C-alpha cells in the first residue's frame, strides 16, 4: 500500500469548527478506484490539548507542531483573532515556530482569514491571494506586495493556496483533490458531500448590493442550454435570447450572477468537459476538442494549458497512466 498524502490542519485558539470539519470531511472521502483512502488528515496545534473555538464547545487536539514535519499539505483555518484589527507581520511566536517545521515543498493553504497567517509568515509575498471580502481592503493595505483578488472563491499560486469565506474552503479542498487525483475523484467527493464539484462565480456575488427586482429573469436557462450544447459554437446573442434579454443586459446580469463573463464561463465549462473525457476515455485530442466545443486540437491545447498549465497528454498520463494513452499520431 502506497503512503497516503498527509494533510495537516494547524489550528489556533478561537478556531471556526466548520473550517476544521470541511478539511477532514472532504479529504477523508477521497478514495481510489480500488477503495483505498488517498489522504490521511490530522490536526495539530502549537500547544496540544483543549483548544477553544468561537462557539460554546472546545476541541481536544492531542498532536503538537511536530506533526507538521511530515505534512504534504498544510491547511491553516481562520481563528477569532483574525477578525480583530490586524498589524503587518503580526504572528504569534508559537505559530511562527510551528510553521518553521514545515518541510520545503509542502503545499500551503488557508481558509478564509487564515490567509493573514500565511501573509504574516511571508508565504504570500509576490503571489496572488484572496481572503474574505470584508477583509480584502485591510489585507491589501497591510500587504501591498501581495496581489489580492477579491472576486474569486480561491487562488492557487504555485502550491500556495488561499480561499475566501468559510464555505469556500469546500471549493479549495475540492480543487486540491482534483489537482491531485483528477475530476472523477473530486466529483465523487462532491456528490458524497452534496455540493457542486464547481461552484459558479466568485465571492464578489455575495458582496452587499441592491436586490434584483423579482420581475427580472435569470441567466440560468442560458447556462443550462450552453451545457447541453457545449459541442457546437455558441454565440453571445444566442445565449442572451435564451434568457430573453438583450446582449448588453445579458452580459451585465451574467457577471452579476456567475462572477465571470459569459465567454469566460463557457471556456471554463469546456475545459472541464475536456478534463472528464481525458480521464474517462481514450478518445484522441481532436475528437475531445470537438466534443468539448473547442473545434480544433490546437485550440483545446491552448485553452487547456492556459487553465491548468499542462498539455492534454500530460494531464491524461497523470490521471490515467501512460498505458492508457492511445498510440499513434493523435495530436496530444
C-alpha atoms as a PDB file:
ATOM      1  CA  UNK A   1       0.000   0.000   0.000  1.00  0.00           C
ATOM      2  CA  UNK A   2       1.398   3.364  -1.025  1.00  0.00           C
ATOM      3  CA  UNK A   3       1.891   6.093   1.531  1.00  0.00           C
ATOM      4  CA  UNK A   4      -1.104   8.378   1.788  1.00  0.00           C
ATOM      5  CA  UNK A   5      -0.772  12.073   1.146  1.00  0.00           C
ATOM      6  CA  UNK A   6      -0.732  13.655   4.591  1.00  0.00           C
ATOM      7  CA  UNK A   7      -2.854  16.737   5.186  1.00  0.00           C
ATOM      8  CA  UNK A   8      -2.134  18.528   8.464  1.00  0.00           C
ATOM      9  CA  UNK A   9      -4.514  21.178   9.763  1.00  0.00           C
ATOM     10  CA  UNK A  10      -2.866  23.767  12.019  1.00  0.00           C
ATOM     11  CA  UNK A  11      -5.490  25.206  14.376  1.00  0.00           C
ATOM     12  CA  UNK A  12      -5.307  28.122  16.770  1.00  0.00           C
ATOM     13  CA  UNK A  13      -7.437  29.168  19.778  1.00  0.00           C
ATOM     14  CA  UNK A  14     -10.749  30.616  18.620  1.00  0.00           C
ATOM     15  CA  UNK A  15     -10.860  28.337  15.576  1.00  0.00           C
ATOM     16  CA  UNK A  16     -14.019  28.047  13.471  1.00  0.00           C
ATOM     17  CA  UNK A  17     -15.112  24.391  13.838  1.00  0.00           C
ATOM     18  CA  UNK A  18     -16.793  24.278  10.435  1.00  0.00           C
ATOM     19  CA  UNK A  19     -13.497  25.014   8.693  1.00  0.00           C
ATOM     20  CA  UNK A  20     -11.773  22.188  10.533  1.00  0.00           C
ATOM     21  CA  UNK A  21     -14.624  19.832   9.655  1.00  0.00           C
ATOM     22  CA  UNK A  22     -14.508  20.741   5.971  1.00  0.00           C
ATOM     23  CA  UNK A  23     -10.912  19.573   5.596  1.00  0.00           C
ATOM     24  CA  UNK A  24     -11.473  16.268   7.392  1.00  0.00           C
ATOM     25  CA  UNK A  25     -14.756  15.552   5.631  1.00  0.00           C
ATOM     26  CA  UNK A  26     -13.663  16.213   2.051  1.00  0.00           C
ATOM     27  CA  UNK A  27     -10.154  14.764   2.060  1.00  0.00           C
ATOM     28  CA  UNK A  28     -11.420  11.886   4.188  1.00  0.00           C
ATOM     29  CA  UNK A  29     -13.901  10.858   1.474  1.00  0.00           C
ATOM     30  CA  UNK A  30     -11.360  10.733  -1.356  1.00  0.00           C
ATOM     31  CA  UNK A  31     -10.703   7.116  -2.348  1.00  0.00           C
ATOM     32  CA  UNK A  32      -9.043   5.358  -5.270  1.00  0.00           C
ATOM     33  CA  UNK A  33     -10.839   3.132  -7.777  1.00  0.00           C
ATOM     34  CA  UNK A  34      -9.967   0.174  -5.546  1.00  0.00           C
ATOM     35  CA  UNK A  35     -11.450   1.889  -2.485  1.00  0.00           C
ATOM     36  CA  UNK A  36      -8.198   2.881  -0.753  1.00  0.00           C
ATOM     37  CA  UNK A  37      -8.205   6.191   1.099  1.00  0.00           C
ATOM     38  CA  UNK A  38      -5.979   8.683  -0.683  1.00  0.00           C
ATOM     39  CA  UNK A  39      -5.310  11.059   2.214  1.00  0.00           C
ATOM     40  CA  UNK A  40      -4.536  10.949   5.900  1.00  0.00           C
ATOM     41  CA  UNK A  41      -5.826  14.039   7.690  1.00  0.00           C
ATOM     42  CA  UNK A  42      -4.567  15.031  11.138  1.00  0.00           C
ATOM     43  CA  UNK A  43      -4.974  18.121  13.290  1.00  0.00           C
ATOM     44  CA  UNK A  44      -2.261  19.830  15.289  1.00  0.00           C
ATOM     45  CA  UNK A  45      -1.833  22.964  17.401  1.00  0.00           C
ATOM     46  CA  UNK A  46       1.175  24.770  18.910  1.00  0.00           C
ATOM     47  CA  UNK A  47       0.162  23.598  22.406  1.00  0.00           C
ATOM     48  CA  UNK A  48      -1.573  20.171  22.427  1.00  0.00           C
ATOM     49  CA  UNK A  49      -4.708  19.818  24.486  1.00  0.00           C
ATOM     50  CA  UNK A  50      -8.059  21.536  24.668  1.00  0.00           C
ATOM     51  CA  UNK A  51      -8.438  24.302  22.077  1.00  0.00           C
ATOM     52  CA  UNK A  52     -11.142  26.944  22.388  1.00  0.00           C
ATOM     53  CA  UNK A  53     -13.403  27.589  19.413  1.00  0.00           C
ATOM     54  CA  UNK A  54     -15.594  30.552  18.522  1.00  0.00           C
ATOM     55  CA  UNK A  55     -18.577  28.535  19.797  1.00  0.00           C
ATOM     56  CA  UNK A  56     -19.668  27.152  23.174  1.00  0.00           C
ATOM     57  CA  UNK A  57     -17.642  23.921  22.801  1.00  0.00           C
ATOM     58  CA  UNK A  58     -13.946  23.083  22.668  1.00  0.00           C
ATOM     59  CA  UNK A  59     -11.851  20.709  20.550  1.00  0.00           C
ATOM     60  CA  UNK A  60      -9.292  18.322  22.001  1.00  0.00           C
ATOM     61  CA  UNK A  61      -6.146  18.281  19.832  1.00  0.00           C
ATOM     62  CA  UNK A  62      -3.524  15.793  21.087  1.00  0.00           C
ATOM     63  CA  UNK A  63      -0.910  16.496  18.381  1.00  0.00           C
ATOM     64  CA  UNK A  64       1.616  19.311  18.608  1.00  0.00           C
ATOM     65  CA  UNK A  65       3.548  21.177  15.895  1.00  0.00           C
ATOM     66  CA  UNK A  66       5.846  18.207  15.251  1.00  0.00           C
ATOM     67  CA  UNK A  67       3.030  16.790  13.078  1.00  0.00           C
ATOM     68  CA  UNK A  68       3.824  19.471  10.510  1.00  0.00           C
ATOM     69  CA  UNK A  69       7.219  17.946   9.769  1.00  0.00           C
ATOM     70  CA  UNK A  70       5.689  15.103   7.747  1.00  0.00           C
ATOM     71  CA  UNK A  71       2.938  17.147   6.082  1.00  0.00           C
ATOM     72  CA  UNK A  72       2.482  17.059   2.317  1.00  0.00           C
ATOM     73  CA  UNK A  73      -0.229  19.726   2.606  1.00  0.00           C
ATOM     74  CA  UNK A  74      -0.732  22.198   5.455  1.00  0.00           C
ATOM     75  CA  UNK A  75      -4.093  23.921   5.909  1.00  0.00           C
ATOM     76  CA  UNK A  76      -4.473  26.967   8.173  1.00  0.00           C
ATOM     77  CA  UNK A  77      -8.135  27.716   9.010  1.00  0.00           C
ATOM     78  CA  UNK A  78      -9.362  31.041  10.369  1.00  0.00           C
ATOM     79  CA  UNK A  79      -9.500  31.909  14.064  1.00  0.00           C
ATOM     80  CA  UNK A  80     -11.331  34.568  16.032  1.00  0.00           C
ATOM     81  CA  UNK A  81      -8.169  36.692  16.335  1.00  0.00           C
ATOM     82  CA  UNK A  82      -8.172  37.222  12.558  1.00  0.00           C
ATOM     83  CA  UNK A  83     -11.291  39.360  12.833  1.00  0.00           C
ATOM     84  CA  UNK A  84      -9.612  41.841  15.165  1.00  0.00           C
ATOM     85  CA  UNK A  85      -7.712  44.823  13.708  1.00  0.00           C
ATOM     86  CA  UNK A  86      -4.571  43.413  12.087  1.00  0.00           C
ATOM     87  CA  UNK A  87      -0.962  44.578  12.063  1.00  0.00           C
ATOM     88  CA  UNK A  88       1.515  43.868   9.289  1.00  0.00           C
ATOM     89  CA  UNK A  89       3.563  40.780  10.033  1.00  0.00           C
ATOM     90  CA  UNK A  90       1.742  40.003  13.269  1.00  0.00           C
ATOM     91  CA  UNK A  91       2.014  36.307  14.014  1.00  0.00           C
ATOM     92  CA  UNK A  92       2.461  34.638  17.372  1.00  0.00           C
ATOM     93  CA  UNK A  93       5.865  33.169  18.153  1.00  0.00           C
ATOM     94  CA  UNK A  94       4.240  29.760  18.682  1.00  0.00           C
ATOM     95  CA  UNK A  95       2.614  29.759  15.254  1.00  0.00           C
ATOM     96  CA  UNK A  96       5.820  31.031  13.613  1.00  0.00           C
ATOM     97  CA  UNK A  97       7.820  28.216  15.210  1.00  0.00           C
ATOM     98  CA  UNK A  98       5.199  25.701  14.136  1.00  0.00           C
ATOM     99  CA  UNK A  99       5.282  26.854  10.511  1.00  0.00           C
ATOM    100  CA  UNK A 100       9.083  26.710  10.563  1.00  0.00           C
ATOM    101  CA  UNK A 101       8.754  22.930  10.953  1.00  0.00           C
ATOM    102  CA  UNK A 102       7.034  22.572   7.562  1.00  0.00           C
ATOM    103  CA  UNK A 103       9.378  20.945   5.069  1.00  0.00           C
ATOM    104  CA  UNK A 104      10.287  22.799   1.858  1.00  0.00           C
ATOM    105  CA  UNK A 105       7.970  21.903  -0.993  1.00  0.00           C
ATOM    106  CA  UNK A 106       4.920  21.167   1.130  1.00  0.00           C
ATOM    107  CA  UNK A 107       1.687  22.654  -0.220  1.00  0.00           C
ATOM    108  CA  UNK A 108       0.370  25.512   1.919  1.00  0.00           C
ATOM    109  CA  UNK A 109      -3.284  26.545   2.074  1.00  0.00           C
ATOM    110  CA  UNK A 110      -5.516  28.819   4.125  1.00  0.00           C
ATOM    111  CA  UNK A 111      -9.257  29.048   4.615  1.00  0.00           C
ATOM    112  CA  UNK A 112     -10.920  32.455   4.935  1.00  0.00           C
ATOM    113  CA  UNK A 113      -8.870  34.862   7.064  1.00  0.00           C
ATOM    114  CA  UNK A 114      -6.271  32.193   7.761  1.00  0.00           C
ATOM    115  CA  UNK A 115      -4.591  33.958   4.826  1.00  0.00           C
ATOM    116  CA  UNK A 116      -3.420  36.628   7.293  1.00  0.00           C
ATOM    117  CA  UNK A 117      -1.222  33.952   8.895  1.00  0.00           C
ATOM    118  CA  UNK A 118       0.327  32.954   5.573  1.00  0.00           C
ATOM    119  CA  UNK A 119       0.881  36.609   4.701  1.00  0.00           C
ATOM    120  CA  UNK A 120       2.468  37.441   8.064  1.00  0.00           C
ATOM    121  CA  UNK A 121       4.776  34.444   7.683  1.00  0.00           C
ATOM    122  CA  UNK A 122       5.942  35.758   4.300  1.00  0.00           C
ATOM    123  CA  UNK A 123       4.466  32.843   2.352  1.00  0.00           C
ATOM    124  CA  UNK A 124       2.311  35.007   0.084  1.00  0.00           C
ATOM    125  CA  UNK A 125       4.884  37.628  -0.899  1.00  0.00           C
ATOM    126  CA  UNK A 126       4.711  38.265  -4.636  1.00  0.00           C
ATOM    127  CA  UNK A 127       1.810  35.869  -5.035  1.00  0.00           C
ATOM    128  CA  UNK A 128      -1.870  36.109  -5.904  1.00  0.00           C
ATOM    129  CA  UNK A 129      -4.165  35.522  -2.937  1.00  0.00           C
ATOM    130  CA  UNK A 130      -7.629  36.135  -1.578  1.00  0.00           C
ATOM    131  CA  UNK A 131      -9.425  36.291   1.754  1.00  0.00           C
ATOM    132  CA  UNK A 132     -12.927  37.066   2.974  1.00  0.00           C
ATOM    133  CA  UNK A 133     -14.329  40.025   1.019  1.00  0.00           C
ATOM    134  CA  UNK A 134     -14.861  42.018   4.218  1.00  0.00           C
ATOM    135  CA  UNK A 135     -11.129  41.808   4.956  1.00  0.00           C
ATOM    136  CA  UNK A 136      -9.744  42.328   1.447  1.00  0.00           C
ATOM    137  CA  UNK A 137      -9.128  46.065   1.740  1.00  0.00           C
ATOM    138  CA  UNK A 138      -7.350  45.674   5.077  1.00  0.00           C
ATOM    139  CA  UNK A 139      -5.341  42.779   3.657  1.00  0.00           C
ATOM    140  CA  UNK A 140      -4.352  44.814   0.591  1.00  0.00           C
ATOM    141  CA  UNK A 141      -3.326  47.817   2.692  1.00  0.00           C
ATOM    142  CA  UNK A 142      -1.171  45.722   5.019  1.00  0.00           C
ATOM    143  CA  UNK A 143       0.471  43.655   2.293  1.00  0.00           C
ATOM    144  CA  UNK A 144       0.792  45.688  -0.927  1.00  0.00           C
ATOM    145  CA  UNK A 145       3.322  43.157  -2.231  1.00  0.00           C
ATOM    146  CA  UNK A 146       0.548  40.557  -2.453  1.00  0.00           C
ATOM    147  CA  UNK A 147      -1.840  40.590  -5.428  1.00  0.00           C
ATOM    148  CA  UNK A 148      -5.225  40.467  -3.713  1.00  0.00           C
ATOM    149  CA  UNK A 149      -8.126  39.163  -5.804  1.00  0.00           C
ATOM    150  CA  UNK A 150     -11.403  39.918  -4.018  1.00  0.00           C
ATOM    151  CA  UNK A 151     -13.566  38.405  -6.732  1.00  0.00           C
ATOM    152  CA  UNK A 152     -12.668  34.713  -6.513  1.00  0.00           C
ATOM    153  CA  UNK A 153     -13.508  31.813  -4.228  1.00  0.00           C
ATOM    154  CA  UNK A 154      -9.917  30.584  -4.050  1.00  0.00           C
ATOM    155  CA  UNK A 155      -6.467  31.074  -5.565  1.00  0.00           C
ATOM    156  CA  UNK A 156      -3.664  28.640  -6.362  1.00  0.00           C
ATOM    157  CA  UNK A 157      -0.286  30.223  -6.965  1.00  0.00           C
ATOM    158  CA  UNK A 158       2.354  27.536  -7.463  1.00  0.00           C
ATOM    159  CA  UNK A 159       1.371  25.438  -4.483  1.00  0.00           C
ATOM    160  CA  UNK A 160       0.359  28.216  -2.104  1.00  0.00           C
ATOM    161  CA  UNK A 161      -3.422  28.454  -1.926  1.00  0.00           C
ATOM    162  CA  UNK A 162      -5.924  30.761  -0.263  1.00  0.00           C
ATOM    163  CA  UNK A 163      -9.718  30.776  -0.103  1.00  0.00           C
ATOM    164  CA  UNK A 164     -12.362  33.376   0.592  1.00  0.00           C
ATOM    165  CA  UNK A 165     -15.133  32.766   3.127  1.00  0.00           C
ATOM    166  CA  UNK A 166     -15.786  29.734   5.301  1.00  0.00           C
ATOM    167  CA  UNK A 167     -17.720  27.693   2.717  1.00  0.00           C
ATOM    168  CA  UNK A 168     -15.161  28.425   0.006  1.00  0.00           C
ATOM    169  CA  UNK A 169     -12.934  26.075   1.959  1.00  0.00           C
ATOM    170  CA  UNK A 170     -15.053  23.378   0.285  1.00  0.00           C
ATOM    171  CA  UNK A 171     -14.156  24.739  -3.143  1.00  0.00           C
ATOM    172  CA  UNK A 172     -10.498  24.914  -2.129  1.00  0.00           C
ATOM    173  CA  UNK A 173     -10.355  21.311  -0.898  1.00  0.00           C
ATOM    174  CA  UNK A 174     -12.143  20.014  -3.988  1.00  0.00           C
ATOM    175  CA  UNK A 175      -9.665  21.916  -6.139  1.00  0.00           C
ATOM    176  CA  UNK A 176      -6.714  20.288  -4.358  1.00  0.00           C
ATOM    177  CA  UNK A 177      -8.294  16.829  -4.673  1.00  0.00           C
ATOM    178  CA  UNK A 178      -8.983  17.490  -8.362  1.00  0.00           C
ATOM    179  CA  UNK A 179      -5.388  18.633  -8.881  1.00  0.00           C
ATOM    180  CA  UNK A 180      -4.008  15.551  -7.118  1.00  0.00           C
ATOM    181  CA  UNK A 181      -6.315  12.839  -8.436  1.00  0.00           C
ATOM    182  CA  UNK A 182      -8.462  14.234 -11.236  1.00  0.00           C
ATOM    183  CA  UNK A 183     -12.035  15.335 -11.783  1.00  0.00           C
ATOM    184  CA  UNK A 184     -13.566  11.885 -11.282  1.00  0.00           C
ATOM    185  CA  UNK A 185     -12.334  11.543  -7.683  1.00  0.00           C
ATOM    186  CA  UNK A 186     -13.215  15.161  -6.868  1.00  0.00           C
ATOM    187  CA  UNK A 187     -16.691  14.773  -8.374  1.00  0.00           C
ATOM    188  CA  UNK A 188     -17.305  11.646  -6.295  1.00  0.00           C
ATOM    189  CA  UNK A 189     -16.302  13.530  -3.131  1.00  0.00           C
ATOM    190  CA  UNK A 190     -18.577  16.413  -4.122  1.00  0.00           C
ATOM    191  CA  UNK A 191     -21.511  14.078  -4.684  1.00  0.00           C
ATOM    192  CA  UNK A 192     -20.917  12.410  -1.331  1.00  0.00           C
ATOM    193  CA  UNK A 193     -20.913  15.799   0.368  1.00  0.00           C
ATOM    194  CA  UNK A 194     -23.918  17.005  -1.694  1.00  0.00           C
ATOM    195  CA  UNK A 195     -22.097  20.062  -3.033  1.00  0.00           C
ATOM    196  CA  UNK A 196     -21.368  21.121  -6.626  1.00  0.00           C
ATOM    197  CA  UNK A 197     -17.963  19.998  -7.987  1.00  0.00           C
ATOM    198  CA  UNK A 198     -17.516  23.529  -9.342  1.00  0.00           C
ATOM    199  CA  UNK A 199     -19.345  26.444  -7.773  1.00  0.00           C
ATOM    200  CA  UNK A 200     -20.176  29.093 -10.329  1.00  0.00           C
ATOM    201  CA  UNK A 201     -18.854  32.604  -9.878  1.00  0.00           C
ATOM    202  CA  UNK A 202     -16.824  34.110  -7.097  1.00  0.00           C
ATOM    203  CA  UNK A 203     -17.221  35.798  -3.764  1.00  0.00           C
ATOM    204  CA  UNK A 204     -17.997  39.107  -5.480  1.00  0.00           C
ATOM    205  CA  UNK A 205     -21.543  37.839  -5.952  1.00  0.00           C
ATOM    206  CA  UNK A 206     -22.018  37.798  -2.155  1.00  0.00           C
ATOM    207  CA  UNK A 207     -20.992  41.402  -1.547  1.00  0.00           C
ATOM    208  CA  UNK A 208     -23.946  43.526  -0.495  1.00  0.00           C
ATOM    209  CA  UNK A 209     -25.737  45.066  -3.453  1.00  0.00           C
ATOM    210  CA  UNK A 210     -29.311  46.068  -4.254  1.00  0.00           C
ATOM    211  CA  UNK A 211     -31.656  43.104  -4.584  1.00  0.00           C
ATOM    212  CA  UNK A 212     -32.539  42.240  -8.175  1.00  0.00           C
ATOM    213  CA  UNK A 213     -36.201  43.109  -8.818  1.00  0.00           C
ATOM    214  CA  UNK A 214     -38.271  39.897  -8.888  1.00  0.00           C
ATOM    215  CA  UNK A 215     -39.608  40.617 -12.362  1.00  0.00           C
ATOM    216  CA  UNK A 216     -36.097  40.444 -13.808  1.00  0.00           C
ATOM    217  CA  UNK A 217     -35.278  36.966 -15.102  1.00  0.00           C
ATOM    218  CA  UNK A 218     -32.115  34.947 -14.505  1.00  0.00           C
ATOM    219  CA  UNK A 219     -29.370  33.814 -16.878  1.00  0.00           C
ATOM    220  CA  UNK A 220     -29.794  30.263 -15.544  1.00  0.00           C
ATOM    221  CA  UNK A 221     -31.719  28.969 -18.593  1.00  0.00           C
ATOM    222  CA  UNK A 222     -28.910  30.184 -20.862  1.00  0.00           C
ATOM    223  CA  UNK A 223     -26.306  28.331 -18.790  1.00  0.00           C
ATOM    224  CA  UNK A 224     -28.383  25.141 -18.860  1.00  0.00           C
ATOM    225  CA  UNK A 225     -28.730  25.459 -22.622  1.00  0.00           C
ATOM    226  CA  UNK A 226     -24.996  26.034 -23.043  1.00  0.00           C
ATOM    227  CA  UNK A 227     -24.108  22.940 -21.015  1.00  0.00           C
ATOM    228  CA  UNK A 228     -26.435  20.841 -23.186  1.00  0.00           C
ATOM    229  CA  UNK A 229     -24.807  22.165 -26.388  1.00  0.00           C
ATOM    230  CA  UNK A 230     -21.118  22.587 -25.464  1.00  0.00           C
ATOM    231  CA  UNK A 231     -20.004  20.674 -28.539  1.00  0.00           C
ATOM    232  CA  UNK A 232     -21.147  23.301 -31.025  1.00  0.00           C
ATOM    233  CA  UNK A 233     -20.381  27.021 -31.495  1.00  0.00           C
ATOM    234  CA  UNK A 234     -22.422  29.228 -29.161  1.00  0.00           C
ATOM    235  CA  UNK A 235     -22.888  32.915 -29.868  1.00  0.00           C
ATOM    236  CA  UNK A 236     -23.486  35.549 -27.211  1.00  0.00           C
ATOM    237  CA  UNK A 237     -26.698  36.740 -28.867  1.00  0.00           C
ATOM    238  CA  UNK A 238     -27.963  33.139 -28.948  1.00  0.00           C
ATOM    239  CA  UNK A 239     -27.413  32.750 -25.205  1.00  0.00           C
ATOM    240  CA  UNK A 240     -28.947  36.158 -24.497  1.00  0.00           C
ATOM    241  CA  UNK A 241     -32.024  35.128 -26.467  1.00  0.00           C
ATOM    242  CA  UNK A 242     -32.365  32.005 -24.290  1.00  0.00           C
ATOM    243  CA  UNK A 243     -32.541  34.314 -21.260  1.00  0.00           C
ATOM    244  CA  UNK A 244     -34.949  36.695 -23.035  1.00  0.00           C
ATOM    245  CA  UNK A 245     -32.522  39.597 -22.670  1.00  0.00           C
ATOM    246  CA  UNK A 246     -30.604  41.985 -24.857  1.00  0.00           C
ATOM    247  CA  UNK A 247     -26.918  41.121 -25.245  1.00  0.00           C
ATOM    248  CA  UNK A 248     -25.918  44.117 -23.129  1.00  0.00           C
ATOM    249  CA  UNK A 249     -28.297  43.223 -20.279  1.00  0.00           C
ATOM    250  CA  UNK A 250     -27.342  39.542 -20.503  1.00  0.00           C
ATOM    251  CA  UNK A 251     -23.645  40.344 -20.264  1.00  0.00           C
ATOM    252  CA  UNK A 252     -24.148  42.509 -17.178  1.00  0.00           C
ATOM    253  CA  UNK A 253     -26.553  40.110 -15.447  1.00  0.00           C
ATOM    254  CA  UNK A 254     -24.389  37.083 -16.219  1.00  0.00           C
ATOM    255  CA  UNK A 255     -21.372  38.642 -14.500  1.00  0.00           C
ATOM    256  CA  UNK A 256     -23.522  39.561 -11.510  1.00  0.00           C
ATOM    257  CA  UNK A 257     -24.816  36.018 -11.146  1.00  0.00           C
ATOM    258  CA  UNK A 258     -21.794  33.930 -12.170  1.00  0.00           C
ATOM    259  CA  UNK A 259     -18.872  36.235 -11.387  1.00  0.00           C
ATOM    260  CA  UNK A 260     -17.471  35.679 -14.902  1.00  0.00           C
ATOM    261  CA  UNK A 261     -18.227  36.936 -18.390  1.00  0.00           C
ATOM    262  CA  UNK A 262     -20.313  34.523 -20.487  1.00  0.00           C
ATOM    263  CA  UNK A 263     -17.302  33.597 -22.634  1.00  0.00           C
ATOM    264  CA  UNK A 264     -15.025  33.069 -19.612  1.00  0.00           C
ATOM    265  CA  UNK A 265     -17.648  30.801 -18.070  1.00  0.00           C
ATOM    266  CA  UNK A 266     -18.148  28.916 -21.332  1.00  0.00           C
ATOM    267  CA  UNK A 267     -14.410  28.308 -21.708  1.00  0.00           C
ATOM    268  CA  UNK A 268     -14.252  27.040 -18.110  1.00  0.00           C
ATOM    269  CA  UNK A 269     -17.069  24.575 -18.759  1.00  0.00           C
ATOM    270  CA  UNK A 270     -15.406  23.346 -21.960  1.00  0.00           C
ATOM    271  CA  UNK A 271     -12.090  22.794 -20.192  1.00  0.00           C
ATOM    272  CA  UNK A 272     -13.935  20.796 -17.528  1.00  0.00           C
ATOM    273  CA  UNK A 273     -15.640  18.686 -20.208  1.00  0.00           C
ATOM    274  CA  UNK A 274     -12.261  18.039 -21.846  1.00  0.00           C
ATOM    275  CA  UNK A 275     -10.788  17.002 -18.491  1.00  0.00           C
ATOM    276  CA  UNK A 276     -13.556  14.460 -17.961  1.00  0.00           C
ATOM    277  CA  UNK A 277     -13.081  12.990 -21.432  1.00  0.00           C
ATOM    278  CA  UNK A 278      -9.313  12.759 -20.988  1.00  0.00           C
ATOM    279  CA  UNK A 279      -9.800  10.919 -17.715  1.00  0.00           C
ATOM    280  CA  UNK A 280     -12.603   8.589 -18.766  1.00  0.00           C
ATOM    281  CA  UNK A 281     -11.935   7.805 -22.449  1.00  0.00           C
ATOM    282  CA  UNK A 282      -9.160   7.013 -24.930  1.00  0.00           C
ATOM    283  CA  UNK A 283     -10.525   9.488 -27.485  1.00  0.00           C
ATOM    284  CA  UNK A 284      -7.874  11.398 -29.479  1.00  0.00           C
ATOM    285  CA  UNK A 285      -7.482  15.067 -28.708  1.00  0.00           C
ATOM    286  CA  UNK A 286      -9.140  16.248 -31.925  1.00  0.00           C
ATOM    287  CA  UNK A 287     -12.281  14.295 -31.042  1.00  0.00           C
ATOM    288  CA  UNK A 288     -12.202  15.625 -27.477  1.00  0.00           C
ATOM    289  CA  UNK A 289     -11.792  19.167 -28.826  1.00  0.00           C
ATOM    290  CA  UNK A 290     -14.914  18.682 -30.929  1.00  0.00           C
ATOM    291  CA  UNK A 291     -16.914  17.128 -28.081  1.00  0.00           C
ATOM    292  CA  UNK A 292     -15.945  19.962 -25.706  1.00  0.00           C
ATOM    293  CA  UNK A 293     -16.656  22.703 -28.234  1.00  0.00           C
ATOM    294  CA  UNK A 294     -13.119  23.927 -28.915  1.00  0.00           C
ATOM    295  CA  UNK A 295     -13.278  22.904 -32.555  1.00  0.00           C
ATOM    296  CA  UNK A 296      -9.621  22.035 -33.080  1.00  0.00           C
ATOM    297  CA  UNK A 297      -6.934  20.250 -31.120  1.00  0.00           C
ATOM    298  CA  UNK A 298      -4.789  23.379 -31.277  1.00  0.00           C
ATOM    299  CA  UNK A 299      -7.494  25.477 -29.632  1.00  0.00           C
ATOM    300  CA  UNK A 300      -8.012  22.832 -26.952  1.00  0.00           C
ATOM    301  CA  UNK A 301      -4.287  22.669 -26.170  1.00  0.00           C
ATOM    302  CA  UNK A 302      -4.068  26.463 -25.893  1.00  0.00           C
ATOM    303  CA  UNK A 303      -7.044  26.784 -23.545  1.00  0.00           C
ATOM    304  CA  UNK A 304      -6.097  23.663 -21.573  1.00  0.00           C
ATOM    305  CA  UNK A 305      -2.569  24.892 -20.939  1.00  0.00           C
ATOM    306  CA  UNK A 306      -3.804  28.385 -20.042  1.00  0.00           C
ATOM    307  CA  UNK A 307      -6.241  26.942 -17.493  1.00  0.00           C
ATOM    308  CA  UNK A 308      -4.162  24.117 -16.000  1.00  0.00           C
ATOM    309  CA  UNK A 309      -0.553  24.734 -17.008  1.00  0.00           C
ATOM    310  CA  UNK A 310      -0.175  21.288 -18.641  1.00  0.00           C
ATOM    311  CA  UNK A 311      -0.871  19.697 -22.013  1.00  0.00           C
ATOM    312  CA  UNK A 312      -3.778  17.283 -22.562  1.00  0.00           C
ATOM    313  CA  UNK A 313      -1.250  14.440 -22.963  1.00  0.00           C
ATOM    314  CA  UNK A 314       0.422  15.227 -19.629  1.00  0.00           C
ATOM    315  CA  UNK A 315      -2.956  15.504 -17.929  1.00  0.00           C
ATOM    316  CA  UNK A 316      -4.127  12.149 -19.284  1.00  0.00           C
ATOM    317  CA  UNK A 317      -0.915  10.423 -18.229  1.00  0.00           C
ATOM    318  CA  UNK A 318      -1.221  11.873 -14.727  1.00  0.00           C
ATOM    319  CA  UNK A 319      -4.754  10.652 -14.155  1.00  0.00           C
ATOM    320  CA  UNK A 320      -4.968   7.519 -16.311  1.00  0.00           C
ATOM    321  CA  UNK A 321      -1.358   6.362 -16.609  1.00  0.00           C
ATOM    322  CA  UNK A 322       0.879   6.091 -19.650  1.00  0.00           C
ATOM    323  CA  UNK A 323      -0.600   2.686 -20.529  1.00  0.00           C
ATOM    324  CA  UNK A 324      -3.990   4.253 -21.256  1.00  0.00           C
ATOM    325  CA  UNK A 325      -2.649   6.862 -23.693  1.00  0.00           C
ATOM    326  CA  UNK A 326      -3.631   5.952 -27.274  1.00  0.00           C
ATOM    327  CA  UNK A 327      -0.779   5.022 -29.569  1.00  0.00           C
ATOM    328  CA  UNK A 328      -0.132   6.688 -32.891  1.00  0.00           C
ATOM    329  CA  UNK A 329      -0.149  10.323 -34.058  1.00  0.00           C
ATOM    330  CA  UNK A 330      -3.313  11.511 -32.341  1.00  0.00           C
ATOM    331  CA  UNK A 331      -2.093  15.048 -31.770  1.00  0.00           C
ATOM    332  CA  UNK A 332      -1.900  15.054 -27.990  1.00  0.00           C
END
